[in-house]
Amino acid sequence: MQTDEKRLTESQKDWLPKTLFAVGLLIYLLTRLIKLPDFPIFFFTDEAIQTQHAVDLIANGFRGSDGTLLPTYFKNGGQYNLSLSVYLQVLPTLLFGKSIWVTRGVSALVSLLVPFFTGLILKDSCKIKTWWLAPLLTALIPAWFLHSRTAFETVLMTSFYAGFLYFYLRYQQDHPKALYIALVFGALAFYAYSPGKVIMVVTGLMFLIADGRYHWRHRRTALFA
């Protein structure tokens, strides 16, 4: 009986920060979506090409320019450096057509992962009581405000990298199976942005060395992953 009462009390205490966190995420999302086509004042070719590739992919029966079915990479400026960003535009383009709203809107929605996972890292790993402030603090960062309102691949990589860090930290806290989810987010970050390949490989090597003993303790999970 006392255990049930204790759980109820803890649940009641969690209600307020969780509500504030949800409100913060909503405020963050509004600051990304309001007047989205108007700011930044430019709409760069590197943004537009992702939706255009998605349109071409649909028109060609999901084959690339060389006839490859579901190609891993797409050309941008003569180099094969676009990947996940094109595929994320396919369904929105099918539903709503080509527009600045669609192209940037996809990126803005994915960017919500940054404040979401940052808040969870502060809550579950850092044990900070004011973890619920993460969306509001993230919304105030000037450079992120600019980038998260564009469709540049940097936004996608940063967003998925945040998810990778959260689940890797959960893995470190005796939740071994979280490593599998961490690797999924790591793969998404890898294919989201060209420099993301280097970032993920270097991060992986650093974690492999730094947490070698922990990996050995959970070697079955680590080796399978």
C-alpha atoms as a PDB file:
ATOM      1  CA  MET A   1       0.000   0.000   0.000  1.00  0.00           C
ATOM      2  CA  GLN A   2       2.808   2.372   0.920  1.00  0.00           C
ATOM      3  CA  THR A   3       4.626   1.505  -2.318  1.00  0.00           C
ATOM      4  CA  ASP A   4       1.530   2.393  -4.379  1.00  0.00           C
ATOM      5  CA  GLU A   5       1.136   5.677  -2.520  1.00  0.00           C
ATOM      6  CA  LYS A   6       4.815   6.472  -3.099  1.00  0.00           C
ATOM      7  CA  ARG A   7       4.473   5.784  -6.825  1.00  0.00           C
ATOM      8  CA  LEU A   8       1.366   7.978  -6.980  1.00  0.00           C
ATOM      9  CA  THR A   9       3.212  10.818  -5.236  1.00  0.00           C
ATOM     10  CA  GLU A  10       6.164  10.539  -7.639  1.00  0.00           C
ATOM     11  CA  SER A  11       3.781  10.502 -10.603  1.00  0.00           C
ATOM     12  CA  GLN A  12       2.094  13.663  -9.327  1.00  0.00           C
ATOM     13  CA  LYS A  13       5.490  15.342  -8.934  1.00  0.00           C
ATOM     14  CA  ASP A  14       6.433  14.402 -12.512  1.00  0.00           C
ATOM     15  CA  TRP A  15       3.215  15.824 -13.935  1.00  0.00           C
ATOM     16  CA  LEU A  16       4.247  19.490 -13.767  1.00  0.00           C
ATOM     17  CA  PRO A  17       7.730  19.226 -15.368  1.00  0.00           C
ATOM     18  CA  LYS A  18       6.384  16.911 -18.085  1.00  0.00           C
ATOM     19  CA  THR A  19       3.613  19.402 -18.854  1.00  0.00           C
ATOM     20  CA  LEU A  20       6.090  22.291 -18.921  1.00  0.00           C
ATOM     21  CA  PHE A  21       8.339  20.231 -21.190  1.00  0.00           C
ATOM     22  CA  ALA A  22       5.464  19.590 -23.608  1.00  0.00           C
ATOM     23  CA  VAL A  23       4.550  23.293 -23.605  1.00  0.00           C
ATOM     24  CA  GLY A  24       8.204  24.159 -24.250  1.00  0.00           C
ATOM     25  CA  LEU A  25       8.310  21.792 -27.235  1.00  0.00           C
ATOM     26  CA  LEU A  26       5.175  23.430 -28.624  1.00  0.00           C
ATOM     27  CA  ILE A  27       6.688  26.899 -28.214  1.00  0.00           C
ATOM     28  CA  TYR A  28       9.883  25.694 -29.876  1.00  0.00           C
ATOM     29  CA  LEU A  29       7.939  24.274 -32.817  1.00  0.00           C
ATOM     30  CA  LEU A  30       5.962  27.482 -33.245  1.00  0.00           C
ATOM     31  CA  THR A  31       9.196  29.492 -33.395  1.00  0.00           C
ATOM     32  CA  ARG A  32      10.330  27.228 -36.223  1.00  0.00           C
ATOM     33  CA  LEU A  33       7.097  27.191 -38.262  1.00  0.00           C
ATOM     34  CA  ILE A  34       5.689  30.736 -38.016  1.00  0.00           C
ATOM     35  CA  LYS A  35       6.506  32.689 -41.216  1.00  0.00           C
ATOM     36  CA  LEU A  36       8.786  29.835 -42.280  1.00  0.00           C
ATOM     37  CA  PRO A  37       8.986  30.818 -46.004  1.00  0.00           C
ATOM     38  CA  ASP A  38       9.805  34.426 -45.036  1.00  0.00           C
ATOM     39  CA  PHE A  39      12.826  33.808 -42.820  1.00  0.00           C
ATOM     40  CA  PRO A  40      15.612  33.245 -43.654  1.00  0.00           C
ATOM     41  CA  ILE A  41      14.981  35.657 -46.509  1.00  0.00           C
ATOM     42  CA  PHE A  42      16.841  33.428 -48.982  1.00  0.00           C
ATOM     43  CA  PHE A  43      15.819  30.022 -50.299  1.00  0.00           C
ATOM     44  CA  PHE A  44      19.090  28.422 -51.283  1.00  0.00           C
ATOM     45  CA  THR A  45      19.564  25.981 -54.134  1.00  0.00           C
ATOM     46  CA  ASP A  46      20.943  23.418 -51.664  1.00  0.00           C
ATOM     47  CA  GLU A  47      17.543  23.478 -49.982  1.00  0.00           C
ATOM     48  CA  ALA A  48      15.459  23.266 -53.145  1.00  0.00           C
ATOM     49  CA  ILE A  49      17.446  20.437 -54.753  1.00  0.00           C
ATOM     50  CA  GLN A  50      16.347  17.943 -52.100  1.00  0.00           C
ATOM     51  CA  THR A  51      12.662  18.324 -52.974  1.00  0.00           C
ATOM     52  CA  GLN A  52      13.490  18.334 -56.672  1.00  0.00           C
ATOM     53  CA  HIS A  53      15.357  15.059 -56.299  1.00  0.00           C
ATOM     54  CA  ALA A  54      12.350  13.656 -54.437  1.00  0.00           C
ATOM     55  CA  VAL A  55      10.080  14.702 -57.328  1.00  0.00           C
ATOM     56  CA  ASP A  56      12.437  13.087 -59.864  1.00  0.00           C
ATOM     57  CA  LEU A  57      12.655   9.943 -57.745  1.00  0.00           C
ATOM     58  CA  ILE A  58       8.868   9.599 -57.709  1.00  0.00           C
ATOM     59  CA  ALA A  59       8.587  10.319 -61.438  1.00  0.00           C
ATOM     60  CA  ASN A  60      11.253   7.703 -62.274  1.00  0.00           C
ATOM     61  CA  GLY A  61       9.609   4.918 -60.290  1.00  0.00           C
ATOM     62  CA  PHE A  62      11.974   5.396 -57.330  1.00  0.00           C
ATOM     63  CA  ARG A  63      15.042   4.983 -59.507  1.00  0.00           C
ATOM     64  CA  GLY A  64      17.974   7.367 -59.610  1.00  0.00           C
ATOM     65  CA  SER A  65      19.347   9.153 -62.649  1.00  0.00           C
ATOM     66  CA  ASP A  66      21.499   6.114 -63.440  1.00  0.00           C
ATOM     67  CA  GLY A  67      18.572   3.690 -63.136  1.00  0.00           C
ATOM     68  CA  THR A  68      19.491   2.388 -59.663  1.00  0.00           C
ATOM     69  CA  LEU A  69      16.463   1.373 -57.597  1.00  0.00           C
ATOM     70  CA  LEU A  70      16.298   3.357 -54.334  1.00  0.00           C
ATOM     71  CA  PRO A  71      19.783   4.858 -54.700  1.00  0.00           C
ATOM     72  CA  THR A  72      21.785   5.499 -51.542  1.00  0.00           C
ATOM     73  CA  TYR A  73      23.130   8.860 -52.725  1.00  0.00           C
ATOM     74  CA  PHE A  74      22.042  11.658 -55.051  1.00  0.00           C
ATOM     75  CA  LYS A  75      24.147  14.215 -56.889  1.00  0.00           C
ATOM     76  CA  ASN A  76      24.473  17.799 -55.694  1.00  0.00           C
ATOM     77  CA  GLY A  77      26.946  20.039 -57.455  1.00  0.00           C
ATOM     78  CA  GLY A  78      28.487  17.113 -59.293  1.00  0.00           C
ATOM     79  CA  GLN A  79      29.099  15.083 -56.134  1.00  0.00           C
ATOM     80  CA  TYR A  80      27.092  12.269 -54.570  1.00  0.00           C
ATOM     81  CA  ASN A  81      26.476  13.913 -51.183  1.00  0.00           C
ATOM     82  CA  LEU A  82      22.693  13.864 -50.656  1.00  0.00           C
ATOM     83  CA  SER A  83      20.932  10.850 -49.183  1.00  0.00           C
ATOM     84  CA  LEU A  84      18.449  10.773 -46.296  1.00  0.00           C
ATOM     85  CA  SER A  85      17.320  14.369 -46.846  1.00  0.00           C
ATOM     86  CA  VAL A  86      15.877  13.400 -50.248  1.00  0.00           C
ATOM     87  CA  TYR A  87      13.923  10.412 -48.919  1.00  0.00           C
ATOM     88  CA  LEU A  88      12.442  12.485 -46.087  1.00  0.00           C
ATOM     89  CA  GLN A  89      10.946  14.803 -48.708  1.00  0.00           C
ATOM     90  CA  VAL A  90       9.227  12.042 -50.714  1.00  0.00           C
ATOM     91  CA  LEU A  91       6.009  11.567 -48.718  1.00  0.00           C
ATOM     92  CA  PRO A  92       5.448  15.300 -47.969  1.00  0.00           C
ATOM     93  CA  THR A  93       6.010  16.073 -51.661  1.00  0.00           C
ATOM     94  CA  LEU A  94       3.504  13.388 -52.680  1.00  0.00           C
ATOM     95  CA  LEU A  95       0.936  14.807 -50.257  1.00  0.00           C
ATOM     96  CA  PHE A  96       1.476  18.546 -50.611  1.00  0.00           C
ATOM     97  CA  GLY A  97       3.572  19.127 -53.734  1.00  0.00           C
ATOM     98  CA  LYS A  98       6.638  21.350 -54.070  1.00  0.00           C
ATOM     99  CA  SER A  99       6.864  24.474 -51.922  1.00  0.00           C
ATOM    100  CA  ILE A 100       9.174  26.260 -49.521  1.00  0.00           C
ATOM    101  CA  TRP A 101       6.748  25.290 -46.755  1.00  0.00           C
ATOM    102  CA  VAL A 102       7.128  21.608 -47.500  1.00  0.00           C
ATOM    103  CA  THR A 103      10.894  21.634 -47.954  1.00  0.00           C
ATOM    104  CA  ARG A 104      11.664  23.653 -44.841  1.00  0.00           C
ATOM    105  CA  GLY A 105       8.755  22.249 -42.853  1.00  0.00           C
ATOM    106  CA  VAL A 106      10.192  18.725 -42.951  1.00  0.00           C
ATOM    107  CA  SER A 107      13.506  20.006 -41.628  1.00  0.00           C
ATOM    108  CA  ALA A 108      11.824  22.102 -38.926  1.00  0.00           C
ATOM    109  CA  LEU A 109       9.781  19.134 -37.703  1.00  0.00           C
ATOM    110  CA  VAL A 110      12.842  16.879 -37.547  1.00  0.00           C
ATOM    111  CA  SER A 111      14.713  19.603 -35.629  1.00  0.00           C
ATOM    112  CA  LEU A 112      12.232  19.043 -32.779  1.00  0.00           C
ATOM    113  CA  LEU A 113      14.343  16.003 -31.900  1.00  0.00           C
ATOM    114  CA  VAL A 114      17.121  18.302 -30.619  1.00  0.00           C
ATOM    115  CA  PRO A 115      15.192  19.912 -27.726  1.00  0.00           C
ATOM    116  CA  PHE A 116      13.333  16.654 -27.102  1.00  0.00           C
ATOM    117  CA  PHE A 117      16.428  14.499 -26.655  1.00  0.00           C
ATOM    118  CA  THR A 118      18.383  17.283 -24.951  1.00  0.00           C
ATOM    119  CA  GLY A 119      15.654  17.453 -22.327  1.00  0.00           C
ATOM    120  CA  LEU A 120      15.696  13.682 -21.856  1.00  0.00           C
ATOM    121  CA  ILE A 121      19.500  13.679 -21.524  1.00  0.00           C
ATOM    122  CA  LEU A 122      19.284  16.352 -18.813  1.00  0.00           C
ATOM    123  CA  LYS A 123      16.519  14.384 -17.072  1.00  0.00           C
ATOM    124  CA  ASP A 124      17.670  10.767 -17.328  1.00  0.00           C
ATOM    125  CA  SER A 125      21.460  11.076 -17.539  1.00  0.00           C
ATOM    126  CA  CYS A 126      22.377  14.366 -15.876  1.00  0.00           C
ATOM    127  CA  LYS A 127      19.545  14.271 -13.292  1.00  0.00           C
ATOM    128  CA  ILE A 128      18.984  18.017 -13.593  1.00  0.00           C
ATOM    129  CA  LYS A 129      15.731  19.148 -11.986  1.00  0.00           C
ATOM    130  CA  THR A 130      15.118  21.913 -14.528  1.00  0.00           C
ATOM    131  CA  TRP A 131      15.423  19.523 -17.495  1.00  0.00           C
ATOM    132  CA  TRP A 132      12.090  20.737 -18.804  1.00  0.00           C
ATOM    133  CA  LEU A 133      13.703  24.065 -19.771  1.00  0.00           C
ATOM    134  CA  ALA A 134      15.636  22.408 -22.616  1.00  0.00           C
ATOM    135  CA  PRO A 135      13.164  23.296 -25.426  1.00  0.00           C
ATOM    136  CA  LEU A 136      13.052  26.948 -24.388  1.00  0.00           C
ATOM    137  CA  LEU A 137      16.832  27.228 -24.087  1.00  0.00           C
ATOM    138  CA  THR A 138      17.301  25.480 -27.433  1.00  0.00           C
ATOM    139  CA  ALA A 139      14.796  27.843 -29.045  1.00  0.00           C
ATOM    140  CA  LEU A 140      16.902  30.816 -27.908  1.00  0.00           C
ATOM    141  CA  ILE A 141      20.173  29.731 -29.565  1.00  0.00           C
ATOM    142  CA  PRO A 142      20.627  32.227 -32.466  1.00  0.00           C
ATOM    143  CA  ALA A 143      22.609  29.943 -34.805  1.00  0.00           C
ATOM    144  CA  TRP A 144      20.178  27.057 -34.282  1.00  0.00           C
ATOM    145  CA  PHE A 145      17.199  29.389 -34.800  1.00  0.00           C
ATOM    146  CA  LEU A 146      18.581  30.270 -38.231  1.00  0.00           C
ATOM    147  CA  HIS A 147      19.617  26.773 -39.303  1.00  0.00           C
ATOM    148  CA  SER A 148      16.540  24.937 -38.006  1.00  0.00           C
ATOM    149  CA  ARG A 149      14.373  27.137 -40.231  1.00  0.00           C
ATOM    150  CA  THR A 150      16.245  25.980 -43.332  1.00  0.00           C
ATOM    151  CA  ALA A 151      16.354  22.650 -45.158  1.00  0.00           C
ATOM    152  CA  PHE A 152      20.119  22.222 -44.969  1.00  0.00           C
ATOM    153  CA  GLU A 153      21.292  18.717 -44.135  1.00  0.00           C
ATOM    154  CA  THR A 154      23.125  20.040 -41.052  1.00  0.00           C
ATOM    155  CA  VAL A 155      19.787  20.231 -39.259  1.00  0.00           C
ATOM    156  CA  LEU A 156      18.980  16.582 -39.913  1.00  0.00           C
ATOM    157  CA  MET A 157      22.396  15.330 -38.830  1.00  0.00           C
ATOM    158  CA  THR A 158      22.332  17.361 -35.597  1.00  0.00           C
ATOM    159  CA  SER A 159      18.824  16.132 -34.801  1.00  0.00           C
ATOM    160  CA  PHE A 160      19.611  12.452 -35.295  1.00  0.00           C
ATOM    161  CA  TYR A 161      22.946  12.844 -33.516  1.00  0.00           C
ATOM    162  CA  ALA A 162      21.034  14.093 -30.452  1.00  0.00           C
ATOM    163  CA  GLY A 163      18.992  10.875 -30.526  1.00  0.00           C
ATOM    164  CA  PHE A 164      22.164   8.832 -30.885  1.00  0.00           C
ATOM    165  CA  LEU A 165      23.708  10.477 -27.811  1.00  0.00           C
ATOM    166  CA  TYR A 166      20.595   9.972 -25.706  1.00  0.00           C
ATOM    167  CA  PHE A 167      20.270   6.267 -26.396  1.00  0.00           C
ATOM    168  CA  TYR A 168      24.012   5.694 -26.074  1.00  0.00           C
ATOM    169  CA  LEU A 169      23.895   7.301 -22.626  1.00  0.00           C
ATOM    170  CA  ARG A 170      20.981   5.031 -21.769  1.00  0.00           C
ATOM    171  CA  TYR A 171      23.096   2.081 -22.880  1.00  0.00           C
ATOM    172  CA  GLN A 172      25.807   3.262 -20.480  1.00  0.00           C
ATOM    173  CA  GLN A 173      23.271   3.317 -17.639  1.00  0.00           C
ATOM    174  CA  ASP A 174      22.693  -0.443 -17.689  1.00  0.00           C
ATOM    175  CA  HIS A 175      20.126  -0.447 -20.485  1.00  0.00           C
ATOM    176  CA  PRO A 176      22.114  -2.590 -22.969  1.00  0.00           C
ATOM    177  CA  LYS A 177      19.404  -2.877 -25.608  1.00  0.00           C
ATOM    178  CA  ALA A 178      19.369   0.921 -25.982  1.00  0.00           C
ATOM    179  CA  LEU A 179      22.584   0.473 -27.983  1.00  0.00           C
ATOM    180  CA  TYR A 180      20.561  -0.904 -30.905  1.00  0.00           C
ATOM    181  CA  ILE A 181      18.397   2.229 -31.052  1.00  0.00           C
ATOM    182  CA  ALA A 182      21.519   4.395 -30.673  1.00  0.00           C
ATOM    183  CA  LEU A 183      23.000   2.740 -33.748  1.00  0.00           C
ATOM    184  CA  VAL A 184      19.825   3.383 -35.752  1.00  0.00           C
ATOM    185  CA  PHE A 185      20.037   7.098 -34.939  1.00  0.00           C
ATOM    186  CA  GLY A 186      23.767   7.004 -35.633  1.00  0.00           C
ATOM    187  CA  ALA A 187      23.111   5.535 -39.080  1.00  0.00           C
ATOM    188  CA  LEU A 188      20.526   8.224 -39.788  1.00  0.00           C
ATOM    189  CA  ALA A 189      23.051  10.902 -38.791  1.00  0.00           C
ATOM    190  CA  PHE A 190      25.662   9.197 -41.008  1.00  0.00           C
ATOM    191  CA  TYR A 191      23.447   9.388 -44.095  1.00  0.00           C
ATOM    192  CA  ALA A 192      21.886  12.763 -43.320  1.00  0.00           C
ATOM    193  CA  TYR A 193      24.909  14.940 -44.045  1.00  0.00           C
ATOM    194  CA  SER A 194      28.209  14.415 -45.826  1.00  0.00           C
ATOM    195  CA  PRO A 195      30.470  15.418 -42.880  1.00  0.00           C
ATOM    196  CA  GLY A 196      28.202  13.280 -40.701  1.00  0.00           C
ATOM    197  CA  LYS A 197      30.151  10.244 -41.933  1.00  0.00           C
ATOM    198  CA  VAL A 198      33.350  11.529 -40.332  1.00  0.00           C
ATOM    199  CA  ILE A 199      31.574  12.699 -37.184  1.00  0.00           C
ATOM    200  CA  MET A 200      29.872   9.348 -36.598  1.00  0.00           C
ATOM    201  CA  VAL A 201      32.987   7.264 -37.299  1.00  0.00           C
ATOM    202  CA  VAL A 202      35.153   9.405 -34.994  1.00  0.00           C
ATOM    203  CA  THR A 203      32.470   9.414 -32.291  1.00  0.00           C
ATOM    204  CA  GLY A 204      32.099   5.654 -32.560  1.00  0.00           C
ATOM    205  CA  LEU A 205      35.854   5.082 -32.241  1.00  0.00           C
ATOM    206  CA  MET A 206      36.085   7.422 -29.243  1.00  0.00           C
ATOM    207  CA  PHE A 207      33.221   5.672 -27.448  1.00  0.00           C
ATOM    208  CA  LEU A 208      34.652   2.273 -28.337  1.00  0.00           C
ATOM    209  CA  ILE A 209      37.958   3.148 -26.672  1.00  0.00           C
ATOM    210  CA  ALA A 210      36.643   5.210 -23.757  1.00  0.00           C
ATOM    211  CA  ASP A 211      33.990   2.672 -22.748  1.00  0.00           C
ATOM    212  CA  GLY A 212      35.958  -0.455 -23.616  1.00  0.00           C
ATOM    213  CA  ARG A 213      35.468  -2.090 -20.205  1.00  0.00           C
ATOM    214  CA  TYR A 214      31.742  -1.429 -20.253  1.00  0.00           C
ATOM    215  CA  HIS A 215      31.433  -2.870 -23.753  1.00  0.00           C
ATOM    216  CA  TRP A 216      33.262  -5.978 -22.555  1.00  0.00           C
ATOM    217  CA  ARG A 217      30.783  -6.378 -19.684  1.00  0.00           C
ATOM    218  CA  HIS A 218      27.977  -6.328 -22.258  1.00  0.00           C
ATOM    219  CA  ARG A 219      30.015  -7.994 -24.996  1.00  0.00           C
ATOM    220  CA  ARG A 220      27.138 -10.099 -26.362  1.00  0.00           C
ATOM    221  CA  THR A 221      25.023  -7.011 -26.973  1.00  0.00           C
ATOM    222  CA  ALA A 222      27.983  -4.920 -28.178  1.00  0.00           C
ATOM    223  CA  LEU A 223      29.261  -7.537 -30.618  1.00  0.00           C
ATOM    224  CA  PHE A 224      25.804  -8.162 -32.067  1.00  0.00           C
ATOM    225  CA  ALA A 225      25.289  -4.414 -32.441  1.00  0.00           C
END
